[in-house]
Amino acid sequence: MQPDLSSLGIDLAAIAPLLVLSGLALAVLLLGLFVRKEQAGLLAWVCLLGLAAAAAATLLVVGSPRSAFNGMVTMDGFYVFVALLSIGATALAVVLSTSYVERTGLAQPEYYGLLVFGAVGMVVMAAASNLIVLLVGLELLSLSLYVLAGFARTRLTSEEAALKYFLLGSFSLGLLVYGSALVYGSTATLDYVGIAAAIQGQSGLSLTLLAGLGLLLAGFAFKLALVPFHMWVPDVYEGAPTPVTAFMAVGTKAVMFAALLRMLGSAFPQAQSQWAIALGVLAALTMIWGNVAAVGQDNIKRLLGYSAISHAGYILMAVVAGAAVASEAVLFYLLAYTVMNFGAFAVVVAVGQGREEMLSLGDYAGLAKRNPWLAAAMAVFMLSLAGMPFTAGFLAKLYVFSAALEGGYLWLVIVGALTSVVAFYYYLRVIVKMYMAESTGETIPLRPSAPMIAVLIVALFFTLQLGIVPGLFF
């Protein structure tokens, strides 16, 4: 007699994207056994086809939100948006990697498999409505990134990046596990809905529950690189292969913020007065230090690392507000951040020569003469990251500022506005280098590969489209 899967809460159709991605990751690893190193690029096409199939499976959920596995995962509009964003970011990372891994000698078949396994972890986190599922998804993503960060085994900086990311990532996971244990001890459940119901039935939050929530927030702060939990970011971003840095900067931030929004909104809405204060302080510190520290950076990847820290502070402003409009603001910001960040890192990859990554700001001097199109694209991405009108970055900041104002956090908006002025300085430094400084070394014309041009076109289109006609995505 066949068991009734629906009675067990098992809905395989609901997790179809996860099944497709998991099968794709395993298939890429198996195909890698039969593909020579110089043919590793063929696996990139397999990945893109599989990612397209996963995106199609995700769209099947539209209009029919559901939960599965006894409420441990939730497939709704929020999940669809985050899952598609994660799949899209993975596809951009795959395309960005094709020419990079060949040029730098990193064309190993397992590289693409690890990227897809990272996507599996991101989609699991997007669907998580249970702390255990959240931890499983986070570990899937983290294990992939630990290996990818150290994939350039011949470079000491890459090995250092992998070790630092592994040690601090493991520490943050320990905080999340211990926090989950304390929450379970206080509420006797790990489901978000069950936690909220247990808190509502209590006269006040117990010390154990507050400690558990505090540890959960600290674990999230490490993964989101919120000040003072940001120490790993500059070194890891600099040492990891550039496509991996882009994937790490975008993918981890997107799903961690999405998971944080769902957890706080579904499991701890009654505790908003407690967690909003803590997150508000973290947001202010993150915006201030991220922008101030970026001013003195002469390495483009470290500059973008501190930029990522500051943007985490801006996004957190909307999370603190805790309103329905905050979710829209956060998701729009994550989409804008994805395209403009991938665009900036695509230019960094394009400027590299041979096995060397050209990371000093001096390497960008005179870029407008070497390749005016690359310089123009980088200028657009820098201005968007700074928040220039008619770009995605401007509307993204406007929406999170509006959400914070609606939530009554005027002081956070003031901090965000002042730090945005500082941000313009270091983003404009890059543009000044490209257009107004003369190159001191040998000027070699830059000819980006076709995949690189494709990533730049997609990133430019959405950076400008989201800044001019954003209504479609709302």
Protein backbone atom coordinates (compact mmCIF):
# COMPACT_ATOMS: atom_id res chain seq x y z
CA MET A 1 0.00 0.00 0.00
CA GLN A 2 1.39 3.37 -1.07
CA PRO A 3 1.70 5.94 1.76
CA ASP A 4 -0.31 9.12 1.42
CA LEU A 5 2.41 11.76 1.05
CA SER A 6 -0.03 14.64 1.52
CA SER A 7 -1.00 13.32 4.95
CA LEU A 8 2.67 13.55 5.93
CA GLY A 9 2.89 17.13 4.73
CA ILE A 10 5.12 16.11 1.80
CA ASP A 11 4.52 18.18 -1.32
CA LEU A 12 7.14 17.40 -3.94
CA ALA A 13 5.63 19.88 -6.42
CA ALA A 14 6.19 22.69 -3.93
CA ILE A 15 9.92 21.93 -3.71
CA ALA A 16 10.34 21.28 -7.43
CA PRO A 17 12.95 24.09 -7.79
CA LEU A 18 15.03 22.50 -5.03
CA LEU A 19 14.80 19.08 -6.67
CA VAL A 20 15.87 20.53 -10.03
CA LEU A 21 18.79 22.43 -8.50
CA SER A 22 19.95 19.47 -6.44
CA GLY A 23 19.81 17.18 -9.47
CA LEU A 24 21.67 19.79 -11.51
CA ALA A 25 24.46 20.10 -8.93
CA LEU A 26 24.93 16.32 -8.79
CA ALA A 27 24.79 16.03 -12.57
CA VAL A 28 27.47 18.72 -13.00
CA LEU A 29 29.76 16.92 -10.55
CA LEU A 30 29.25 13.59 -12.33
CA LEU A 31 29.75 15.11 -15.78
CA GLY A 32 32.95 16.64 -14.51
CA LEU A 33 34.41 13.14 -14.29
CA PHE A 34 34.12 12.78 -18.07
CA VAL A 35 35.02 16.33 -19.12
CA ARG A 36 38.62 17.37 -19.63
CA LYS A 37 39.85 20.46 -17.82
CA GLU A 38 40.01 22.51 -21.03
CA GLN A 39 36.36 21.60 -21.73
CA ALA A 40 35.06 22.73 -18.33
CA GLY A 41 33.27 25.61 -20.06
CA LEU A 42 30.71 23.09 -21.38
CA LEU A 43 29.53 22.61 -17.81
CA ALA A 44 28.67 26.31 -17.66
CA TRP A 45 26.08 25.77 -20.39
CA VAL A 46 24.67 22.79 -18.52
CA CYS A 47 24.39 24.97 -15.41
CA LEU A 48 22.58 27.74 -17.29
CA LEU A 49 20.07 25.30 -18.79
CA GLY A 50 19.44 23.75 -15.38
CA LEU A 51 19.08 27.14 -13.71
CA ALA A 52 16.52 28.13 -16.36
CA ALA A 53 14.56 24.95 -15.59
CA ALA A 54 14.71 25.76 -11.85
CA ALA A 55 13.43 29.29 -12.53
CA ALA A 56 10.54 27.86 -14.56
CA ALA A 57 9.70 25.46 -11.73
CA THR A 58 9.73 28.38 -9.29
CA LEU A 59 7.25 30.33 -11.38
CA LEU A 60 4.77 27.46 -11.09
CA VAL A 61 4.20 28.51 -7.47
CA VAL A 62 2.94 31.95 -8.52
CA GLY A 63 -0.74 32.31 -7.68
CA SER A 64 -0.84 29.18 -5.52
CA PRO A 65 1.03 29.89 -2.28
CA ARG A 66 1.41 26.86 -0.04
CA SER A 67 3.35 25.39 2.84
CA ALA A 68 4.80 21.91 2.93
CA PHE A 69 6.43 19.41 5.25
CA ASN A 70 4.13 20.34 8.10
CA GLY A 71 4.81 24.05 7.77
CA MET A 72 8.61 23.82 7.74
CA VAL A 73 8.82 25.48 4.32
CA THR A 74 6.59 28.16 2.80
CA MET A 75 6.21 28.87 -0.92
CA ASP A 76 4.61 32.28 -1.43
CA GLY A 77 5.26 35.45 -3.41
CA PHE A 78 8.10 36.39 -1.08
CA TYR A 79 9.75 33.01 -1.69
CA VAL A 80 9.29 33.28 -5.46
CA PHE A 81 11.00 36.67 -5.61
CA VAL A 82 13.96 35.64 -3.44
CA ALA A 83 14.35 32.26 -5.18
CA LEU A 84 14.36 33.87 -8.63
CA LEU A 85 16.85 36.48 -7.40
CA SER A 86 19.10 33.71 -6.06
CA ILE A 87 18.87 31.70 -9.28
CA GLY A 88 19.54 34.82 -11.34
CA ALA A 89 22.57 35.73 -9.23
CA THR A 90 23.92 32.20 -9.69
CA ALA A 91 23.44 32.43 -13.45
CA LEU A 92 25.33 35.74 -13.55
CA ALA A 93 28.12 34.19 -11.47
CA VAL A 94 28.34 31.24 -13.88
CA VAL A 95 28.55 33.51 -16.94
CA LEU A 96 31.04 35.82 -15.22
CA SER A 97 33.21 32.83 -14.32
CA THR A 98 33.57 31.29 -17.78
CA SER A 99 36.37 33.48 -19.12
CA TYR A 100 37.81 34.19 -15.66
CA VAL A 101 38.51 30.57 -14.72
CA GLU A 102 40.10 29.87 -18.11
CA ARG A 103 42.31 32.96 -17.89
CA THR A 104 43.43 32.28 -14.34
CA GLY A 105 43.83 28.51 -14.64
CA LEU A 106 40.94 27.70 -12.29
CA ALA A 107 38.84 25.83 -14.87
CA GLN A 108 37.97 22.84 -12.69
CA PRO A 109 34.64 20.99 -13.24
CA GLU A 110 33.73 21.09 -9.53
CA TYR A 111 33.77 24.90 -9.60
CA TYR A 112 30.38 25.09 -11.31
CA GLY A 113 28.94 22.32 -9.14
CA LEU A 114 29.81 24.30 -6.02
CA LEU A 115 28.07 27.39 -7.42
CA VAL A 116 24.89 25.38 -7.98
CA PHE A 117 25.08 23.83 -4.51
CA GLY A 118 25.29 27.39 -3.19
CA ALA A 119 22.08 28.15 -5.09
CA VAL A 120 20.40 25.14 -3.45
CA GLY A 121 21.26 26.56 -0.04
CA MET A 122 19.90 29.98 -0.98
CA VAL A 123 16.58 28.61 -2.20
CA VAL A 124 16.22 26.47 0.95
CA MET A 125 16.74 29.59 3.07
CA ALA A 126 14.20 31.53 1.01
CA ALA A 127 11.56 28.88 1.77
CA ALA A 128 12.48 28.25 5.42
CA SER A 129 9.73 28.65 8.03
CA ASN A 130 11.57 26.61 10.61
CA LEU A 131 14.89 27.31 12.31
CA ILE A 132 16.30 23.87 11.48
CA VAL A 133 15.52 24.30 7.77
CA LEU A 134 17.11 27.75 7.91
CA LEU A 135 20.30 26.29 9.39
CA VAL A 136 20.41 23.50 6.80
CA GLY A 137 20.11 25.99 3.94
CA LEU A 138 22.73 28.28 5.47
CA GLU A 139 25.18 25.42 5.89
CA LEU A 140 24.68 24.29 2.28
CA LEU A 141 25.48 27.82 1.08
CA SER A 142 28.35 28.33 3.49
CA LEU A 143 30.15 25.05 2.74
CA SER A 144 30.11 25.89 -0.96
CA LEU A 145 31.47 29.37 -0.35
CA TYR A 146 34.22 28.15 2.00
CA VAL A 147 35.64 26.00 -0.80
CA LEU A 148 35.07 28.57 -3.55
CA ALA A 149 36.81 31.32 -1.54
CA GLY A 150 39.99 29.24 -1.49
CA PHE A 151 39.65 27.88 -5.02
CA ALA A 152 42.72 29.80 -6.24
CA ARG A 153 44.99 27.43 -4.35
CA THR A 154 48.19 28.94 -5.74
CA ARG A 155 47.45 32.33 -4.16
CA LEU A 156 48.10 32.82 -0.46
CA THR A 157 45.44 35.53 -0.28
CA SER A 158 42.82 33.04 -1.49
CA GLU A 159 43.87 30.48 1.10
CA GLU A 160 43.76 33.17 3.78
CA ALA A 161 40.29 34.21 2.63
CA ALA A 162 38.97 30.64 2.83
CA LEU A 163 40.41 30.08 6.31
CA LYS A 164 39.09 33.35 7.73
CA TYR A 165 35.69 32.84 6.20
CA PHE A 166 35.51 29.26 7.46
CA LEU A 167 36.53 30.11 11.04
CA LEU A 168 34.25 33.11 11.47
CA GLY A 169 31.46 31.47 9.48
CA SER A 170 31.59 28.42 11.74
CA PHE A 171 31.51 30.67 14.79
CA SER A 172 28.45 32.50 13.51
CA LEU A 173 26.72 29.20 12.74
CA GLY A 174 27.41 28.13 16.32
CA LEU A 175 25.65 31.28 17.54
CA LEU A 176 22.65 30.48 15.36
CA VAL A 177 22.51 26.87 16.59
CA TYR A 178 22.80 27.85 20.25
CA GLY A 179 20.22 30.61 19.79
CA SER A 180 17.82 28.14 18.16
CA ALA A 181 18.31 25.76 21.09
CA LEU A 182 17.43 28.47 23.60
CA VAL A 183 14.37 29.49 21.58
CA TYR A 184 13.25 25.85 21.49
CA GLY A 185 13.79 25.58 25.23
CA SER A 186 11.49 28.55 25.78
CA THR A 187 8.77 27.77 23.24
CA ALA A 188 9.02 23.98 22.65
CA THR A 189 8.96 24.53 18.87
CA LEU A 190 11.21 25.61 16.03
CA ASP A 191 8.43 26.55 13.58
CA TYR A 192 8.01 30.29 13.13
CA VAL A 193 4.25 30.15 13.57
CA GLY A 194 4.59 28.03 16.69
CA ILE A 195 7.18 30.39 18.19
CA ALA A 196 4.91 33.39 17.61
CA ALA A 197 1.96 31.56 19.21
CA ALA A 198 4.06 30.58 22.24
CA ILE A 199 5.28 34.14 22.74
CA GLN A 200 1.76 35.51 22.45
CA GLY A 201 0.65 33.21 25.24
CA GLN A 202 3.36 34.48 27.60
CA SER A 203 2.97 37.50 29.86
CA GLY A 204 6.45 38.68 28.84
CA LEU A 205 9.59 37.48 27.14
CA SER A 206 11.65 35.20 29.35
CA LEU A 207 15.37 35.77 29.83
CA THR A 208 16.11 32.52 28.00
CA LEU A 209 14.04 33.57 25.00
CA LEU A 210 15.69 37.00 24.90
CA ALA A 211 19.12 35.35 25.03
CA GLY A 212 18.13 33.01 22.19
CA LEU A 213 16.87 35.90 20.07
CA GLY A 214 20.04 37.85 20.81
CA LEU A 215 22.25 34.96 19.68
CA LEU A 216 20.19 34.53 16.51
CA LEU A 217 20.60 38.23 15.69
CA ALA A 218 24.35 38.02 16.37
CA GLY A 219 24.63 35.05 14.01
CA PHE A 220 22.75 36.95 11.31
CA ALA A 221 24.96 40.01 11.94
CA PHE A 222 28.09 37.96 11.20
CA LYS A 223 26.71 36.66 7.92
CA LEU A 224 25.41 40.10 6.91
CA ALA A 225 28.72 41.76 7.88
CA LEU A 226 27.11 44.24 10.24
CA VAL A 227 29.48 46.33 12.36
CA PRO A 228 31.12 45.17 14.68
CA PHE A 229 30.76 41.67 13.14
CA HIS A 230 32.28 42.72 9.81
CA MET A 231 35.99 41.99 10.35
CA TRP A 232 36.21 39.17 7.81
CA VAL A 233 34.79 41.05 4.82
CA PRO A 234 37.75 43.07 3.38
CA ASP A 235 40.24 40.19 3.48
CA VAL A 236 37.79 37.58 2.20
CA TYR A 237 36.53 39.79 -0.62
CA GLU A 238 40.08 40.63 -1.67
CA GLY A 239 41.41 37.06 -1.57
CA ALA A 240 38.54 35.11 -3.12
CA PRO A 241 38.33 34.79 -6.93
CA THR A 242 36.43 37.83 -8.20
CA PRO A 243 33.33 35.99 -9.53
CA VAL A 244 33.12 34.18 -6.18
CA THR A 245 33.39 37.52 -4.38
CA ALA A 246 30.48 38.85 -6.44
CA PHE A 247 28.42 35.73 -5.77
CA MET A 248 29.26 35.88 -2.06
CA ALA A 249 28.51 39.60 -1.74
CA VAL A 250 25.16 39.33 -3.49
CA GLY A 251 23.89 35.84 -2.71
CA THR A 252 24.65 35.72 1.00
CA LYS A 253 23.32 39.20 1.62
CA ALA A 254 20.10 38.62 -0.34
CA VAL A 255 19.05 35.36 1.30
CA MET A 256 20.20 36.35 4.80
CA PHE A 257 18.11 39.53 4.70
CA ALA A 258 15.16 37.59 3.28
CA ALA A 259 15.51 34.96 6.01
CA LEU A 260 15.83 37.65 8.68
CA LEU A 261 12.69 39.39 7.44
CA ARG A 262 10.67 36.18 7.45
CA MET A 263 11.96 35.07 10.85
CA LEU A 264 11.35 38.38 12.62
CA GLY A 265 8.00 38.97 10.94
CA SER A 266 6.66 35.44 11.43
CA ALA A 267 8.27 34.24 14.65
CA PHE A 268 9.02 37.36 16.71
CA PRO A 269 6.51 40.09 15.80
CA GLN A 270 5.58 40.57 19.47
CA ALA A 271 9.25 41.16 20.33
CA GLN A 272 9.71 44.00 17.86
CA SER A 273 10.30 46.56 20.60
CA GLN A 274 13.33 44.51 21.69
CA TRP A 275 14.92 43.55 18.38
CA ALA A 276 14.23 46.87 16.65
CA ILE A 277 16.44 48.74 19.13
CA ALA A 278 19.35 46.33 18.67
CA LEU A 279 19.06 46.31 14.86
CA GLY A 280 18.70 50.09 14.74
CA VAL A 281 22.00 50.56 16.56
CA LEU A 282 23.69 47.98 14.32
CA ALA A 283 22.32 49.75 11.22
CA ALA A 284 23.71 53.11 12.32
CA LEU A 285 27.14 51.69 13.21
CA THR A 286 27.27 49.76 9.93
CA MET A 287 26.43 52.77 7.76
CA ILE A 288 28.94 54.99 9.56
CA TRP A 289 31.92 52.65 9.69
CA GLY A 290 31.33 51.03 6.30
CA ASN A 291 31.44 54.38 4.52
CA VAL A 292 34.19 55.96 6.59
CA ALA A 293 36.50 52.94 6.25
CA ALA A 294 35.96 52.80 2.47
CA VAL A 295 37.36 56.32 2.03
CA GLY A 296 40.96 55.22 2.59
CA GLN A 297 40.90 52.08 0.43
CA ASP A 298 43.18 51.84 -2.62
CA ASN A 299 42.18 48.27 -3.49
CA ILE A 300 39.00 48.07 -5.56
CA LYS A 301 37.80 44.79 -4.01
CA ARG A 302 38.38 46.04 -0.47
CA LEU A 303 36.56 49.25 -1.41
CA LEU A 304 33.62 47.21 -2.70
CA GLY A 305 33.83 45.12 0.47
CA TYR A 306 33.36 48.14 2.71
CA SER A 307 30.70 49.33 0.27
CA ALA A 308 28.86 46.03 0.85
CA ILE A 309 29.07 46.63 4.60
CA SER A 310 27.53 50.09 4.28
CA HIS A 311 24.74 48.83 2.02
CA ALA A 312 23.87 46.19 4.61
CA GLY A 313 23.28 49.08 7.01
CA TYR A 314 20.94 50.83 4.57
CA ILE A 315 18.92 47.67 4.00
CA LEU A 316 18.71 47.06 7.74
CA MET A 317 16.99 50.43 8.16
CA ALA A 318 13.91 49.04 6.45
CA VAL A 319 14.05 45.81 8.46
CA VAL A 320 13.99 47.85 11.66
CA ALA A 321 10.78 49.57 10.51
CA GLY A 322 9.06 46.18 10.47
CA ALA A 323 6.10 47.27 8.32
CA ALA A 324 4.68 45.59 5.24
CA VAL A 325 6.18 48.33 3.06
CA ALA A 326 9.57 47.45 4.57
CA SER A 327 9.51 44.04 2.88
CA GLU A 328 8.94 45.66 -0.50
CA ALA A 329 11.73 48.16 0.13
CA VAL A 330 14.16 45.43 1.20
CA LEU A 331 13.41 43.19 -1.77
CA PHE A 332 13.71 46.07 -4.24
CA TYR A 333 17.02 47.10 -2.66
CA LEU A 334 18.33 43.53 -2.89
CA LEU A 335 17.43 43.38 -6.59
CA ALA A 336 19.10 46.74 -7.27
CA TYR A 337 22.15 45.77 -5.24
CA THR A 338 22.47 42.50 -7.15
CA VAL A 339 22.63 44.03 -10.61
CA MET A 340 24.84 47.01 -9.81
CA ASN A 341 27.24 44.94 -7.70
CA PHE A 342 27.59 42.21 -10.30
CA GLY A 343 28.20 44.91 -12.90
CA ALA A 344 31.00 46.47 -10.86
CA PHE A 345 32.68 43.12 -10.28
CA ALA A 346 32.33 42.28 -13.99
CA VAL A 347 34.42 45.36 -14.78
CA VAL A 348 36.99 44.27 -12.18
CA VAL A 349 37.23 40.88 -13.94
CA ALA A 350 37.53 42.57 -17.34
CA VAL A 351 40.40 44.81 -16.21
CA GLY A 352 42.44 41.78 -15.06
CA GLN A 353 45.28 40.56 -17.26
CA GLY A 354 46.27 36.92 -17.59
CA ARG A 355 46.43 35.23 -14.22
CA GLU A 356 46.74 38.59 -12.43
CA GLU A 357 43.88 40.56 -10.96
CA MET A 358 44.41 44.31 -11.32
CA LEU A 359 43.00 45.50 -8.01
CA SER A 360 44.79 48.78 -7.26
CA LEU A 361 42.87 51.95 -8.03
CA GLY A 362 45.95 53.00 -9.98
CA ASP A 363 45.21 50.18 -12.41
CA TYR A 364 42.02 52.02 -13.37
CA ALA A 365 43.85 55.22 -14.28
CA GLY A 366 43.16 56.07 -17.91
CA LEU A 367 40.62 53.27 -18.33
CA ALA A 368 38.45 55.65 -20.38
CA LYS A 369 41.16 55.67 -23.05
CA ARG A 370 41.85 51.95 -22.98
CA ASN A 371 38.18 51.00 -23.22
CA PRO A 372 35.64 53.84 -23.03
CA TRP A 373 32.69 51.42 -22.80
CA LEU A 374 34.11 49.66 -19.74
CA ALA A 375 34.80 53.01 -18.08
CA ALA A 376 31.29 54.25 -18.83
CA ALA A 377 29.75 51.07 -17.41
CA MET A 378 31.86 51.29 -14.26
CA ALA A 379 30.87 54.94 -13.85
CA VAL A 380 27.18 54.00 -14.00
CA PHE A 381 27.63 51.26 -11.41
CA MET A 382 29.62 53.54 -9.07
CA LEU A 383 27.03 56.30 -9.33
CA SER A 384 24.23 53.80 -8.70
CA LEU A 385 26.00 52.41 -5.62
CA ALA A 386 26.37 55.99 -4.41
CA GLY A 387 22.66 56.69 -4.97
CA MET A 388 22.63 59.02 -7.98
CA PRO A 389 19.12 59.87 -9.31
CA PHE A 390 17.86 57.89 -12.33
CA THR A 391 19.76 54.80 -11.20
CA ALA A 392 18.60 51.75 -9.26
CA GLY A 393 20.64 52.76 -6.22
CA PHE A 394 18.81 56.06 -5.82
CA LEU A 395 15.32 54.56 -5.71
CA ALA A 396 16.54 51.69 -3.54
CA LYS A 397 17.79 54.14 -0.91
CA LEU A 398 14.68 56.28 -1.28
CA TYR A 399 12.43 53.31 -0.53
CA VAL A 400 14.36 52.17 2.56
CA PHE A 401 14.49 55.76 3.84
CA SER A 402 10.73 56.05 3.33
CA ALA A 403 10.14 52.76 5.18
CA ALA A 404 12.28 53.96 8.09
CA LEU A 405 10.42 57.28 8.22
CA GLU A 406 7.07 55.48 8.17
CA GLY A 407 8.28 53.38 11.08
CA GLY A 408 9.24 56.49 13.07
CA TYR A 409 13.04 56.16 12.78
CA LEU A 410 13.93 59.70 11.69
CA TRP A 411 17.33 59.50 13.38
CA LEU A 412 18.28 56.50 11.26
CA VAL A 413 17.29 58.36 8.09
CA ILE A 414 19.51 61.29 9.10
CA VAL A 415 22.45 58.93 9.66
CA GLY A 416 21.77 57.28 6.30
CA ALA A 417 21.59 60.60 4.45
CA LEU A 418 24.83 61.91 5.99
CA THR A 419 26.75 58.72 5.31
CA SER A 420 25.47 58.69 1.72
CA VAL A 421 27.32 61.98 1.20
CA VAL A 422 30.53 60.30 2.36
CA ALA A 423 29.85 57.42 -0.03
CA PHE A 424 29.80 59.77 -3.02
CA TYR A 425 33.42 60.70 -2.30
CA TYR A 426 34.96 57.25 -2.58
CA TYR A 427 32.76 56.15 -5.47
CA LEU A 428 33.68 59.31 -7.39
CA ARG A 429 37.38 58.55 -6.71
CA VAL A 430 37.07 55.56 -9.02
CA ILE A 431 35.46 57.65 -11.75
CA VAL A 432 38.10 60.38 -11.40
CA LYS A 433 40.83 57.75 -11.76
CA MET A 434 39.27 56.37 -14.93
CA TYR A 435 38.66 59.71 -16.67
CA MET A 436 41.13 62.23 -15.25
CA ALA A 437 44.27 60.28 -14.29
CA GLU A 438 46.96 59.14 -16.69
CA SER A 439 48.07 55.53 -16.67
CA THR A 440 51.64 55.12 -15.38
CA GLY A 441 52.22 51.63 -16.79
CA GLU A 442 51.88 49.99 -20.16
CA THR A 443 48.45 50.66 -21.64
CA ILE A 444 47.11 47.43 -23.07
CA PRO A 445 43.74 47.68 -24.86
CA LEU A 446 41.04 45.72 -23.06
CA ARG A 447 38.80 43.39 -25.02
CA PRO A 448 36.18 41.80 -22.76
CA SER A 449 34.95 38.34 -23.72
CA ALA A 450 31.42 37.76 -25.00
CA PRO A 451 30.15 36.35 -21.65
CA MET A 452 31.61 39.39 -19.87
CA ILE A 453 29.84 41.74 -22.27
CA ALA A 454 26.58 39.84 -21.68
CA VAL A 455 26.84 40.31 -17.90
CA LEU A 456 27.63 44.01 -18.33
CA ILE A 457 24.66 44.55 -20.67
CA VAL A 458 22.24 42.81 -18.28
CA ALA A 459 23.60 44.70 -15.28
CA LEU A 460 23.51 48.06 -17.08
CA PHE A 461 19.99 47.51 -18.38
CA PHE A 462 18.53 46.71 -14.97
CA THR A 463 20.57 49.37 -13.17
CA LEU A 464 19.05 52.03 -15.40
CA GLN A 465 15.63 50.42 -15.84
CA LEU A 466 15.09 50.07 -12.09
CA GLY A 467 16.04 53.71 -11.64
CA ILE A 468 13.71 55.05 -14.31
CA VAL A 469 10.78 52.60 -14.59
CA PRO A 470 10.70 50.57 -11.35
CA GLY A 471 6.95 49.93 -11.25
CA LEU A 472 7.14 46.50 -12.91
CA PHE A 473 8.97 44.98 -9.95
CA PHE A 474 6.55 46.28 -7.35
